[in-house]
Amino acid sequence: MFQQSTRQKETLRGTIKPNENLTAENAARALRVALANADSQVVTDILAKSTNQQRQEIKSVYKQSYGRDLCDDIKKTFTGNFELLARGLLMKPLEFDAYCLHKSMIGLGTHESVLIEILVTRSNQEISAIKSIYKEKFGNELESDIKSDTSGEFRRLLISLANGHRKESTDVDVNKAVKDAEKLAKREISKSEHGEETFNSIMARESFPQLKAVFHAYEKLTDRDINSSIKAVFAGDLADGLLAIVDVVRNRNAYFANNIMCALKGLTRNDIAIRRIVVTRSEIDLFNIKRAYFSLTNKALVEAIETQICGENKYKKLLLAVIG
């Protein structure tokens, strides 16, 4: 039995909108003067009050007018998190995703959370474009680098996600959801060899509305939450990947809000995660993520940024300007 998903979609809102008063020529001129004087406030005002498309136009005019690369000049003029955030805002969105994926797999260790976040939350079309950009920029296939830097069932989950062929229909097949829930329950009870493939094939392939129906059917069938079952059966990166899929299916905004909360807390702040989420969601759903953050923590995101980021005023100001 098929039914249309009845989930009422929340209207998504970014925090950055087109600046009708901005011209690329004036912005490029102001940035050239600002960079000559290391004026971070002007850089903040322009980057946080323009869309990515407008920033691309500014970059083009800047190079045409001065024979200089805007990102290179920012890198030469500033350092630290301010410089990295500013340059992230100047990248095209999917180029930035490709950069984050590559950065997560070079050097010592792999930042598995970056791979999970991007591959779980991007559409098939976006993943296809990211793979093309990745190959063009870094010379390797994304799948090849994933194979080299990860292992086991987690690697197989990532390869499935990076394939970029998840079903994207909003229709829900209730009967199939029940059957898939039974397969997942059987896997949990038996812990049979190769049972991870059952979870992988369902979690990486079915549409998010369909997965929501599967999780609901699973809970009715077993009287257990799917999250608790995943934690009981799997461990490590594979468990983290599967749990991320569940979280995104249930509430994408809350998923990102929780990632920001985790990045801000503790003695070692994860600025890589903070910058990544702020840059990539600023024109999509950062307003909604702010609301989800407040629901999760009973504290405004801007207040958390003010409290947790100390001694980096330029970085803090740019973050707050983008968050709004």
C-alpha atoms as a PDB file:
ATOM      1  CA  MET A   1       0.000   0.000   0.000  1.00  0.00           C
ATOM      2  CA  PHE A   2       1.400   3.362  -1.048  1.00  0.00           C
ATOM      3  CA  GLN A   3       0.592   6.621   0.619  1.00  0.00           C
ATOM      4  CA  GLN A   4       1.828  10.153   0.212  1.00  0.00           C
ATOM      5  CA  SER A   5       3.981  11.252   3.110  1.00  0.00           C
ATOM      6  CA  THR A   6       1.810  13.342   5.425  1.00  0.00           C
ATOM      7  CA  ARG A   7       4.743  14.916   7.212  1.00  0.00           C
ATOM      8  CA  GLN A   8       4.256  18.678   7.234  1.00  0.00           C
ATOM      9  CA  LYS A   9       7.469  20.201   6.050  1.00  0.00           C
ATOM     10  CA  GLU A  10       8.887  23.084   8.016  1.00  0.00           C
ATOM     11  CA  THR A  11       9.624  26.081   5.835  1.00  0.00           C
ATOM     12  CA  LEU A  12      13.382  26.256   5.524  1.00  0.00           C
ATOM     13  CA  ARG A  13      15.082  29.594   5.998  1.00  0.00           C
ATOM     14  CA  GLY A  14      18.673  30.610   5.770  1.00  0.00           C
ATOM     15  CA  THR A  15      20.153  33.571   7.581  1.00  0.00           C
ATOM     16  CA  ILE A  16      21.690  35.196   4.505  1.00  0.00           C
ATOM     17  CA  LYS A  17      19.597  36.774   1.775  1.00  0.00           C
ATOM     18  CA  PRO A  18      20.546  38.674  -1.395  1.00  0.00           C
ATOM     19  CA  ASN A  19      21.831  42.167  -0.643  1.00  0.00           C
ATOM     20  CA  GLU A  20      20.053  44.433  -3.114  1.00  0.00           C
ATOM     21  CA  ASN A  21      22.223  47.393  -2.134  1.00  0.00           C
ATOM     22  CA  LEU A  22      25.473  45.612  -2.926  1.00  0.00           C
ATOM     23  CA  THR A  23      27.327  45.861  -6.220  1.00  0.00           C
ATOM     24  CA  ALA A  24      30.275  43.627  -7.022  1.00  0.00           C
ATOM     25  CA  GLU A  25      32.329  46.613  -8.179  1.00  0.00           C
ATOM     26  CA  ASN A  26      31.887  48.585  -4.964  1.00  0.00           C
ATOM     27  CA  ALA A  27      32.406  45.517  -2.798  1.00  0.00           C
ATOM     28  CA  ALA A  28      35.599  44.529  -4.634  1.00  0.00           C
ATOM     29  CA  ARG A  29      36.944  48.064  -4.265  1.00  0.00           C
ATOM     30  CA  ALA A  30      36.120  48.159  -0.549  1.00  0.00           C
ATOM     31  CA  LEU A  31      37.718  44.756   0.006  1.00  0.00           C
ATOM     32  CA  ARG A  32      40.919  45.795  -1.754  1.00  0.00           C
ATOM     33  CA  VAL A  33      41.277  48.802   0.575  1.00  0.00           C
ATOM     34  CA  ALA A  34      40.289  46.709   3.600  1.00  0.00           C
ATOM     35  CA  LEU A  35      42.840  44.009   2.850  1.00  0.00           C
ATOM     36  CA  ALA A  36      45.575  46.575   2.338  1.00  0.00           C
ATOM     37  CA  ASN A  37      44.820  47.796   5.865  1.00  0.00           C
ATOM     38  CA  ALA A  38      43.948  44.433   7.466  1.00  0.00           C
ATOM     39  CA  ASP A  39      40.442  45.732   8.209  1.00  0.00           C
ATOM     40  CA  SER A  40      38.484  42.636   9.237  1.00  0.00           C
ATOM     41  CA  GLN A  41      35.273  44.559   9.901  1.00  0.00           C
ATOM     42  CA  VAL A  42      34.818  45.506   6.258  1.00  0.00           C
ATOM     43  CA  VAL A  43      35.482  41.901   5.230  1.00  0.00           C
ATOM     44  CA  THR A  44      32.868  40.750   7.754  1.00  0.00           C
ATOM     45  CA  ASP A  45      30.290  43.308   6.631  1.00  0.00           C
ATOM     46  CA  ILE A  46      30.595  42.305   2.988  1.00  0.00           C
ATOM     47  CA  LEU A  47      30.851  38.522   3.311  1.00  0.00           C
ATOM     48  CA  ALA A  48      28.081  38.185   5.901  1.00  0.00           C
ATOM     49  CA  LYS A  49      25.690  40.434   3.987  1.00  0.00           C
ATOM     50  CA  SER A  50      25.963  38.834   0.565  1.00  0.00           C
ATOM     51  CA  THR A  51      24.892  35.500  -0.868  1.00  0.00           C
ATOM     52  CA  ASN A  52      27.351  32.992  -2.250  1.00  0.00           C
ATOM     53  CA  GLN A  53      26.377  33.951  -5.782  1.00  0.00           C
ATOM     54  CA  GLN A  54      27.118  37.592  -4.993  1.00  0.00           C
ATOM     55  CA  ARG A  55      30.458  36.592  -3.463  1.00  0.00           C
ATOM     56  CA  GLN A  56      31.380  34.746  -6.651  1.00  0.00           C
ATOM     57  CA  GLU A  57      30.678  37.922  -8.617  1.00  0.00           C
ATOM     58  CA  ILE A  58      32.794  39.923  -6.176  1.00  0.00           C
ATOM     59  CA  LYS A  59      35.674  37.431  -6.544  1.00  0.00           C
ATOM     60  CA  SER A  60      35.479  37.717 -10.321  1.00  0.00           C
ATOM     61  CA  VAL A  61      35.438  41.516 -10.326  1.00  0.00           C
ATOM     62  CA  TYR A  62      38.250  41.619  -7.762  1.00  0.00           C
ATOM     63  CA  LYS A  63      40.488  39.482  -9.970  1.00  0.00           C
ATOM     64  CA  GLN A  64      39.522  41.373 -13.129  1.00  0.00           C
ATOM     65  CA  SER A  65      40.157  44.742 -11.509  1.00  0.00           C
ATOM     66  CA  TYR A  66      43.332  44.053  -9.559  1.00  0.00           C
ATOM     67  CA  GLY A  67      44.852  40.909 -11.038  1.00  0.00           C
ATOM     68  CA  ARG A  68      44.739  39.321  -7.597  1.00  0.00           C
ATOM     69  CA  ASP A  69      42.902  36.374  -6.074  1.00  0.00           C
ATOM     70  CA  LEU A  70      40.599  37.429  -3.251  1.00  0.00           C
ATOM     71  CA  CYS A  71      40.974  34.163  -1.303  1.00  0.00           C
ATOM     72  CA  ASP A  72      44.773  34.368  -1.574  1.00  0.00           C
ATOM     73  CA  ASP A  73      44.766  37.956  -0.322  1.00  0.00           C
ATOM     74  CA  ILE A  74      42.591  37.015   2.656  1.00  0.00           C
ATOM     75  CA  LYS A  75      44.975  34.149   3.452  1.00  0.00           C
ATOM     76  CA  LYS A  76      47.964  36.505   3.305  1.00  0.00           C
ATOM     77  CA  THR A  77      46.290  39.180   5.428  1.00  0.00           C
ATOM     78  CA  PHE A  78      44.576  37.179   8.172  1.00  0.00           C
ATOM     79  CA  THR A  79      45.194  33.977  10.109  1.00  0.00           C
ATOM     80  CA  GLY A  80      43.351  31.431  12.212  1.00  0.00           C
ATOM     81  CA  ASN A  81      39.657  30.749  12.259  1.00  0.00           C
ATOM     82  CA  PHE A  82      38.694  34.139  10.818  1.00  0.00           C
ATOM     83  CA  GLU A  83      40.765  33.498   7.706  1.00  0.00           C
ATOM     84  CA  LEU A  84      39.423  29.940   7.333  1.00  0.00           C
ATOM     85  CA  LEU A  85      35.801  31.007   7.777  1.00  0.00           C
ATOM     86  CA  ALA A  86      36.171  33.910   5.350  1.00  0.00           C
ATOM     87  CA  ARG A  87      37.719  31.687   2.687  1.00  0.00           C
ATOM     88  CA  GLY A  88      35.041  29.044   3.280  1.00  0.00           C
ATOM     89  CA  LEU A  89      32.348  31.633   2.606  1.00  0.00           C
ATOM     90  CA  LEU A  90      34.065  32.532  -0.663  1.00  0.00           C
ATOM     91  CA  MET A  91      34.007  28.960  -1.994  1.00  0.00           C
ATOM     92  CA  LYS A  92      31.082  27.686  -4.008  1.00  0.00           C
ATOM     93  CA  PRO A  93      28.907  25.463  -1.753  1.00  0.00           C
ATOM     94  CA  LEU A  94      29.654  22.103  -3.366  1.00  0.00           C
ATOM     95  CA  GLU A  95      33.298  23.052  -3.837  1.00  0.00           C
ATOM     96  CA  PHE A  96      33.419  23.654  -0.090  1.00  0.00           C
ATOM     97  CA  ASP A  97      31.857  20.224   0.530  1.00  0.00           C
ATOM     98  CA  ALA A  98      34.503  18.596  -1.667  1.00  0.00           C
ATOM     99  CA  TYR A  99      37.224  20.531   0.171  1.00  0.00           C
ATOM    100  CA  CYS A 100      35.875  19.401   3.569  1.00  0.00           C
ATOM    101  CA  LEU A 101      35.724  15.773   2.465  1.00  0.00           C
ATOM    102  CA  HIS A 102      39.289  15.880   1.149  1.00  0.00           C
ATOM    103  CA  LYS A 103      40.573  17.664   4.252  1.00  0.00           C
ATOM    104  CA  SER A 104      38.975  15.002   6.448  1.00  0.00           C
ATOM    105  CA  MET A 105      40.998  12.259   4.762  1.00  0.00           C
ATOM    106  CA  ILE A 106      44.465  13.755   4.477  1.00  0.00           C
ATOM    107  CA  GLY A 107      47.183  13.653   7.107  1.00  0.00           C
ATOM    108  CA  LEU A 108      47.061  11.528  10.219  1.00  0.00           C
ATOM    109  CA  GLY A 109      43.698   9.992  10.962  1.00  0.00           C
ATOM    110  CA  THR A 110      40.358  10.390   9.251  1.00  0.00           C
ATOM    111  CA  HIS A 111      37.605  12.678  10.524  1.00  0.00           C
ATOM    112  CA  GLU A 112      34.774  10.210  10.088  1.00  0.00           C
ATOM    113  CA  SER A 113      32.132  12.635  11.363  1.00  0.00           C
ATOM    114  CA  VAL A 114      32.758  14.922   8.359  1.00  0.00           C
ATOM    115  CA  LEU A 115      32.251  12.079   5.904  1.00  0.00           C
ATOM    116  CA  ILE A 116      29.062  11.038   7.682  1.00  0.00           C
ATOM    117  CA  GLU A 117      27.584  14.533   7.896  1.00  0.00           C
ATOM    118  CA  ILE A 118      28.108  15.460   4.269  1.00  0.00           C
ATOM    119  CA  LEU A 119      27.242  12.129   2.656  1.00  0.00           C
ATOM    120  CA  VAL A 120      24.099  11.637   4.744  1.00  0.00           C
ATOM    121  CA  THR A 121      22.656  15.130   4.311  1.00  0.00           C
ATOM    122  CA  ARG A 122      23.313  15.918   0.631  1.00  0.00           C
ATOM    123  CA  SER A 123      20.945  15.036  -2.211  1.00  0.00           C
ATOM    124  CA  ASN A 124      21.815  12.644  -5.025  1.00  0.00           C
ATOM    125  CA  GLN A 125      22.347  15.560  -7.385  1.00  0.00           C
ATOM    126  CA  GLU A 126      24.629  17.307  -4.900  1.00  0.00           C
ATOM    127  CA  ILE A 127      26.671  14.154  -4.273  1.00  0.00           C
ATOM    128  CA  SER A 128      27.141  13.655  -8.009  1.00  0.00           C
ATOM    129  CA  ALA A 129      28.396  17.239  -8.375  1.00  0.00           C
ATOM    130  CA  ILE A 130      30.653  16.913  -5.319  1.00  0.00           C
ATOM    131  CA  LYS A 131      32.283  13.803  -6.790  1.00  0.00           C
ATOM    132  CA  SER A 132      33.007  15.616 -10.057  1.00  0.00           C
ATOM    133  CA  ILE A 133      34.488  18.601  -8.238  1.00  0.00           C
ATOM    134  CA  TYR A 134      36.515  16.314  -5.967  1.00  0.00           C
ATOM    135  CA  LYS A 135      38.047  14.545  -8.955  1.00  0.00           C
ATOM    136  CA  GLU A 136      38.797  17.834 -10.710  1.00  0.00           C
ATOM    137  CA  LYS A 137      40.330  19.507  -7.653  1.00  0.00           C
ATOM    138  CA  PHE A 138      42.219  16.649  -6.022  1.00  0.00           C
ATOM    139  CA  GLY A 139      42.905  14.189  -8.841  1.00  0.00           C
ATOM    140  CA  ASN A 140      41.346  11.158  -7.146  1.00  0.00           C
ATOM    141  CA  GLU A 141      37.901   9.626  -7.153  1.00  0.00           C
ATOM    142  CA  LEU A 142      36.080  10.277  -3.882  1.00  0.00           C
ATOM    143  CA  GLU A 143      35.222   6.582  -3.586  1.00  0.00           C
ATOM    144  CA  SER A 144      38.880   5.638  -4.024  1.00  0.00           C
ATOM    145  CA  ASP A 145      39.941   7.911  -1.164  1.00  0.00           C
ATOM    146  CA  ILE A 146      37.143   6.582   1.041  1.00  0.00           C
ATOM    147  CA  LYS A 147      38.347   3.040   0.375  1.00  0.00           C
ATOM    148  CA  SER A 148      41.911   3.998   1.263  1.00  0.00           C
ATOM    149  CA  ASP A 149      41.054   5.809   4.492  1.00  0.00           C
ATOM    150  CA  THR A 150      38.266   3.704   6.008  1.00  0.00           C
ATOM    151  CA  SER A 151      37.651   0.005   6.539  1.00  0.00           C
ATOM    152  CA  GLY A 152      35.123  -2.725   7.163  1.00  0.00           C
ATOM    153  CA  GLU A 153      31.371  -2.253   7.232  1.00  0.00           C
ATOM    154  CA  PHE A 154      31.727   1.473   7.818  1.00  0.00           C
ATOM    155  CA  ARG A 155      33.608   1.772   4.536  1.00  0.00           C
ATOM    156  CA  ARG A 156      30.817  -0.100   2.773  1.00  0.00           C
ATOM    157  CA  LEU A 157      28.202   2.229   4.263  1.00  0.00           C
ATOM    158  CA  LEU A 158      30.144   5.289   3.090  1.00  0.00           C
ATOM    159  CA  ILE A 159      30.597   3.870  -0.402  1.00  0.00           C
ATOM    160  CA  SER A 160      26.848   3.238  -0.596  1.00  0.00           C
ATOM    161  CA  LEU A 161      26.124   6.800   0.509  1.00  0.00           C
ATOM    162  CA  ALA A 162      28.721   8.254  -1.874  1.00  0.00           C
ATOM    163  CA  ASN A 163      27.157   6.329  -4.743  1.00  0.00           C
ATOM    164  CA  GLY A 164      24.408   8.951  -4.606  1.00  0.00           C
ATOM    165  CA  HIS A 165      21.438   6.840  -5.661  1.00  0.00           C
ATOM    166  CA  ARG A 166      19.189   6.981  -2.608  1.00  0.00           C
ATOM    167  CA  LYS A 167      15.499   6.881  -3.509  1.00  0.00           C
ATOM    168  CA  GLU A 168      14.089  10.387  -3.264  1.00  0.00           C
ATOM    169  CA  SER A 169      10.362   9.858  -3.744  1.00  0.00           C
ATOM    170  CA  THR A 170       8.023  11.273  -1.106  1.00  0.00           C
ATOM    171  CA  ASP A 171       5.685   8.295  -1.497  1.00  0.00           C
ATOM    172  CA  VAL A 172       5.664   5.775   1.353  1.00  0.00           C
ATOM    173  CA  ASP A 173       5.062   2.058   0.846  1.00  0.00           C
ATOM    174  CA  VAL A 174       3.670   1.010   4.221  1.00  0.00           C
ATOM    175  CA  ASN A 175       3.745  -2.722   3.480  1.00  0.00           C
ATOM    176  CA  LYS A 176       7.377  -2.564   2.411  1.00  0.00           C
ATOM    177  CA  ALA A 177       8.196  -0.531   5.521  1.00  0.00           C
ATOM    178  CA  VAL A 178       6.792  -3.314   7.700  1.00  0.00           C
ATOM    179  CA  LYS A 179       8.756  -5.969   5.796  1.00  0.00           C
ATOM    180  CA  ASP A 180      11.967  -3.970   6.099  1.00  0.00           C
ATOM    181  CA  ALA A 181      11.325  -3.453   9.813  1.00  0.00           C
ATOM    182  CA  GLU A 182      10.999  -7.225  10.188  1.00  0.00           C
ATOM    183  CA  LYS A 183      14.333  -7.695   8.382  1.00  0.00           C
ATOM    184  CA  LEU A 184      16.030  -5.233  10.747  1.00  0.00           C
ATOM    185  CA  ALA A 185      14.504  -6.903  13.787  1.00  0.00           C
ATOM    186  CA  LYS A 186      15.635 -10.319  12.580  1.00  0.00           C
ATOM    187  CA  ARG A 187      19.156  -8.999  12.090  1.00  0.00           C
ATOM    188  CA  GLU A 188      19.242  -7.600  15.629  1.00  0.00           C
ATOM    189  CA  ILE A 189      18.013 -10.825  17.214  1.00  0.00           C
ATOM    190  CA  SER A 190      20.184 -13.238  15.242  1.00  0.00           C
ATOM    191  CA  LYS A 191      23.341 -11.100  14.911  1.00  0.00           C
ATOM    192  CA  SER A 192      24.012 -13.313  11.891  1.00  0.00           C
ATOM    193  CA  GLU A 193      27.101 -13.081   9.743  1.00  0.00           C
ATOM    194  CA  HIS A 194      26.831 -10.406   7.045  1.00  0.00           C
ATOM    195  CA  GLY A 195      23.765  -9.008   8.797  1.00  0.00           C
ATOM    196  CA  GLU A 196      25.258  -5.522   8.530  1.00  0.00           C
ATOM    197  CA  GLU A 197      24.359  -5.702   4.858  1.00  0.00           C
ATOM    198  CA  THR A 198      20.675  -5.719   5.791  1.00  0.00           C
ATOM    199  CA  PHE A 199      20.989  -2.439   7.654  1.00  0.00           C
ATOM    200  CA  ASN A 200      23.223  -0.978   4.941  1.00  0.00           C
ATOM    201  CA  SER A 201      20.891  -1.868   2.076  1.00  0.00           C
ATOM    202  CA  ILE A 202      17.864  -0.335   3.791  1.00  0.00           C
ATOM    203  CA  MET A 203      19.439   2.682   5.488  1.00  0.00           C
ATOM    204  CA  ALA A 204      21.545   3.810   2.524  1.00  0.00           C
ATOM    205  CA  ARG A 205      18.994   3.166  -0.212  1.00  0.00           C
ATOM    206  CA  GLU A 206      15.485   4.009   0.964  1.00  0.00           C
ATOM    207  CA  SER A 207      14.122   7.554   0.873  1.00  0.00           C
ATOM    208  CA  PHE A 208      13.930   9.496   4.105  1.00  0.00           C
ATOM    209  CA  PRO A 209      10.084   9.422   4.249  1.00  0.00           C
ATOM    210  CA  GLN A 210      10.221   5.658   3.664  1.00  0.00           C
ATOM    211  CA  LEU A 211      12.841   5.229   6.390  1.00  0.00           C
ATOM    212  CA  LYS A 212      10.678   7.174   8.810  1.00  0.00           C
ATOM    213  CA  ALA A 213       7.906   4.641   8.165  1.00  0.00           C
ATOM    214  CA  VAL A 214      10.384   1.767   8.633  1.00  0.00           C
ATOM    215  CA  PHE A 215      11.495   3.136  12.014  1.00  0.00           C
ATOM    216  CA  HIS A 216       7.889   3.570  13.107  1.00  0.00           C
ATOM    217  CA  ALA A 217       7.055   0.010  12.063  1.00  0.00           C
ATOM    218  CA  TYR A 218      10.180  -1.270  13.802  1.00  0.00           C
ATOM    219  CA  GLU A 219       9.169   0.332  17.100  1.00  0.00           C
ATOM    220  CA  LYS A 220       5.656  -1.118  16.873  1.00  0.00           C
ATOM    221  CA  LEU A 221       7.081  -4.539  16.047  1.00  0.00           C
ATOM    222  CA  THR A 222       9.788  -4.684  18.720  1.00  0.00           C
ATOM    223  CA  ASP A 223       8.664  -2.135  21.300  1.00  0.00           C
ATOM    224  CA  ARG A 224      12.182  -0.655  21.020  1.00  0.00           C
ATOM    225  CA  ASP A 225      13.537   2.525  19.527  1.00  0.00           C
ATOM    226  CA  ILE A 226      15.685   1.914  16.445  1.00  0.00           C
ATOM    227  CA  ASN A 227      18.508   3.952  18.005  1.00  0.00           C
ATOM    228  CA  SER A 228      18.798   1.687  21.020  1.00  0.00           C
ATOM    229  CA  SER A 229      18.860  -1.358  18.758  1.00  0.00           C
ATOM    230  CA  ILE A 230      21.635   0.102  16.593  1.00  0.00           C
ATOM    231  CA  LYS A 231      23.690   0.836  19.704  1.00  0.00           C
ATOM    232  CA  ALA A 232      23.137  -2.714  20.963  1.00  0.00           C
ATOM    233  CA  VAL A 233      24.197  -4.369  17.718  1.00  0.00           C
ATOM    234  CA  PHE A 234      26.851  -2.069  16.232  1.00  0.00           C
ATOM    235  CA  ALA A 235      29.762  -0.047  17.551  1.00  0.00           C
ATOM    236  CA  GLY A 236      32.226   2.604  16.489  1.00  0.00           C
ATOM    237  CA  ASP A 237      32.004   4.482  13.213  1.00  0.00           C
ATOM    238  CA  LEU A 238      29.388   2.180  11.704  1.00  0.00           C
ATOM    239  CA  ALA A 239      27.050   2.824  14.614  1.00  0.00           C
ATOM    240  CA  ASP A 240      27.705   6.572  14.325  1.00  0.00           C
ATOM    241  CA  GLY A 241      26.879   6.502  10.616  1.00  0.00           C
ATOM    242  CA  LEU A 242      23.639   4.574  11.074  1.00  0.00           C
ATOM    243  CA  LEU A 243      22.579   6.760  13.993  1.00  0.00           C
ATOM    244  CA  ALA A 244      23.241   9.869  11.903  1.00  0.00           C
ATOM    245  CA  ILE A 245      20.881   8.578   9.229  1.00  0.00           C
ATOM    246  CA  VAL A 246      18.188   8.017  11.860  1.00  0.00           C
ATOM    247  CA  ASP A 247      18.693  11.507  13.295  1.00  0.00           C
ATOM    248  CA  VAL A 248      18.526  13.183   9.880  1.00  0.00           C
ATOM    249  CA  VAL A 249      15.389  11.243   8.953  1.00  0.00           C
ATOM    250  CA  ARG A 250      13.676  12.293  12.152  1.00  0.00           C
ATOM    251  CA  ASN A 251      14.780  15.924  12.341  1.00  0.00           C
ATOM    252  CA  ARG A 252      17.515  17.314  10.107  1.00  0.00           C
ATOM    253  CA  ASN A 253      17.598  20.666  11.879  1.00  0.00           C
ATOM    254  CA  ALA A 254      18.001  19.013  15.282  1.00  0.00           C
ATOM    255  CA  TYR A 255      20.812  16.870  13.835  1.00  0.00           C
ATOM    256  CA  PHE A 256      22.817  19.941  12.823  1.00  0.00           C
ATOM    257  CA  ALA A 257      21.945  21.735  16.066  1.00  0.00           C
ATOM    258  CA  ASN A 258      23.242  18.788  18.072  1.00  0.00           C
ATOM    259  CA  ASN A 259      26.453  18.757  16.025  1.00  0.00           C
ATOM    260  CA  ILE A 260      26.999  22.432  16.809  1.00  0.00           C
ATOM    261  CA  MET A 261      26.262  21.833  20.493  1.00  0.00           C
ATOM    262  CA  CYS A 262      28.833  19.027  20.605  1.00  0.00           C
ATOM    263  CA  ALA A 263      31.360  21.190  18.747  1.00  0.00           C
ATOM    264  CA  LEU A 264      30.987  24.040  21.234  1.00  0.00           C
ATOM    265  CA  LYS A 265      31.140  22.091  24.471  1.00  0.00           C
ATOM    266  CA  GLY A 266      34.166  20.731  26.247  1.00  0.00           C
ATOM    267  CA  LEU A 267      37.702  21.974  26.571  1.00  0.00           C
ATOM    268  CA  THR A 268      38.550  21.358  22.909  1.00  0.00           C
ATOM    269  CA  ARG A 269      36.206  23.353  20.711  1.00  0.00           C
ATOM    270  CA  ASN A 270      35.664  21.867  17.252  1.00  0.00           C
ATOM    271  CA  ASP A 271      35.884  24.950  15.056  1.00  0.00           C
ATOM    272  CA  ILE A 272      36.106  22.837  11.911  1.00  0.00           C
ATOM    273  CA  ALA A 273      32.581  21.548  12.540  1.00  0.00           C
ATOM    274  CA  ILE A 274      31.254  24.964  13.549  1.00  0.00           C
ATOM    275  CA  ARG A 275      32.636  26.641  10.428  1.00  0.00           C
ATOM    276  CA  ARG A 276      31.422  23.830   8.174  1.00  0.00           C
ATOM    277  CA  ILE A 277      27.834  23.921   9.401  1.00  0.00           C
ATOM    278  CA  VAL A 278      27.603  27.714   9.427  1.00  0.00           C
ATOM    279  CA  VAL A 279      29.022  28.006   5.912  1.00  0.00           C
ATOM    280  CA  THR A 280      27.028  25.182   4.334  1.00  0.00           C
ATOM    281  CA  ARG A 281      23.657  25.895   5.955  1.00  0.00           C
ATOM    282  CA  SER A 282      23.691  29.721   5.960  1.00  0.00           C
ATOM    283  CA  GLU A 283      21.501  30.046   2.859  1.00  0.00           C
ATOM    284  CA  ILE A 284      19.463  26.862   3.359  1.00  0.00           C
ATOM    285  CA  ASP A 285      18.219  26.288   6.905  1.00  0.00           C
ATOM    286  CA  LEU A 286      20.494  27.980   9.446  1.00  0.00           C
ATOM    287  CA  PHE A 287      17.530  29.933  10.843  1.00  0.00           C
ATOM    288  CA  ASN A 288      15.752  26.626  11.508  1.00  0.00           C
ATOM    289  CA  ILE A 289      18.908  25.160  13.030  1.00  0.00           C
ATOM    290  CA  LYS A 290      19.069  28.138  15.403  1.00  0.00           C
ATOM    291  CA  ARG A 291      15.538  27.371  16.560  1.00  0.00           C
ATOM    292  CA  ALA A 292      16.387  23.695  16.955  1.00  0.00           C
ATOM    293  CA  TYR A 293      19.466  24.652  18.956  1.00  0.00           C
ATOM    294  CA  PHE A 294      17.327  26.667  21.369  1.00  0.00           C
ATOM    295  CA  SER A 295      14.869  23.764  21.733  1.00  0.00           C
ATOM    296  CA  LEU A 296      17.782  21.427  22.437  1.00  0.00           C
ATOM    297  CA  THR A 297      19.720  23.599  24.889  1.00  0.00           C
ATOM    298  CA  ASN A 298      17.295  26.302  26.054  1.00  0.00           C
ATOM    299  CA  LYS A 299      19.972  28.761  24.985  1.00  0.00           C
ATOM    300  CA  ALA A 300      20.230  30.916  21.873  1.00  0.00           C
ATOM    301  CA  LEU A 301      22.993  29.920  19.481  1.00  0.00           C
ATOM    302  CA  VAL A 302      24.324  33.474  19.376  1.00  0.00           C
ATOM    303  CA  GLU A 303      24.572  33.428  23.159  1.00  0.00           C
ATOM    304  CA  ALA A 304      26.441  30.123  23.054  1.00  0.00           C
ATOM    305  CA  ILE A 305      28.900  31.540  20.506  1.00  0.00           C
ATOM    306  CA  GLU A 306      29.421  34.632  22.654  1.00  0.00           C
ATOM    307  CA  THR A 307      30.082  32.478  25.700  1.00  0.00           C
ATOM    308  CA  GLN A 308      32.201  29.704  24.221  1.00  0.00           C
ATOM    309  CA  ILE A 309      34.432  31.622  21.806  1.00  0.00           C
ATOM    310  CA  CYS A 310      36.869  33.822  23.642  1.00  0.00           C
ATOM    311  CA  GLY A 311      39.930  35.711  22.449  1.00  0.00           C
ATOM    312  CA  GLU A 312      39.075  35.473  18.743  1.00  0.00           C
ATOM    313  CA  ASN A 313      36.950  38.565  18.249  1.00  0.00           C
ATOM    314  CA  LYS A 314      37.325  38.762  14.466  1.00  0.00           C
ATOM    315  CA  TYR A 315      36.226  35.147  14.087  1.00  0.00           C
ATOM    316  CA  LYS A 316      33.401  35.571  16.587  1.00  0.00           C
ATOM    317  CA  LYS A 317      32.079  38.686  14.839  1.00  0.00           C
ATOM    318  CA  LEU A 318      32.035  36.989  11.452  1.00  0.00           C
ATOM    319  CA  LEU A 319      30.313  33.899  12.876  1.00  0.00           C
ATOM    320  CA  LEU A 320      27.676  35.992  14.622  1.00  0.00           C
ATOM    321  CA  ALA A 321      27.115  38.124  11.518  1.00  0.00           C
ATOM    322  CA  VAL A 322      26.443  35.018   9.407  1.00  0.00           C
ATOM    323  CA  ILE A 323      24.279  33.365  12.075  1.00  0.00           C
ATOM    324  CA  GLY A 324      22.246  36.567  12.431  1.00  0.00           C
END
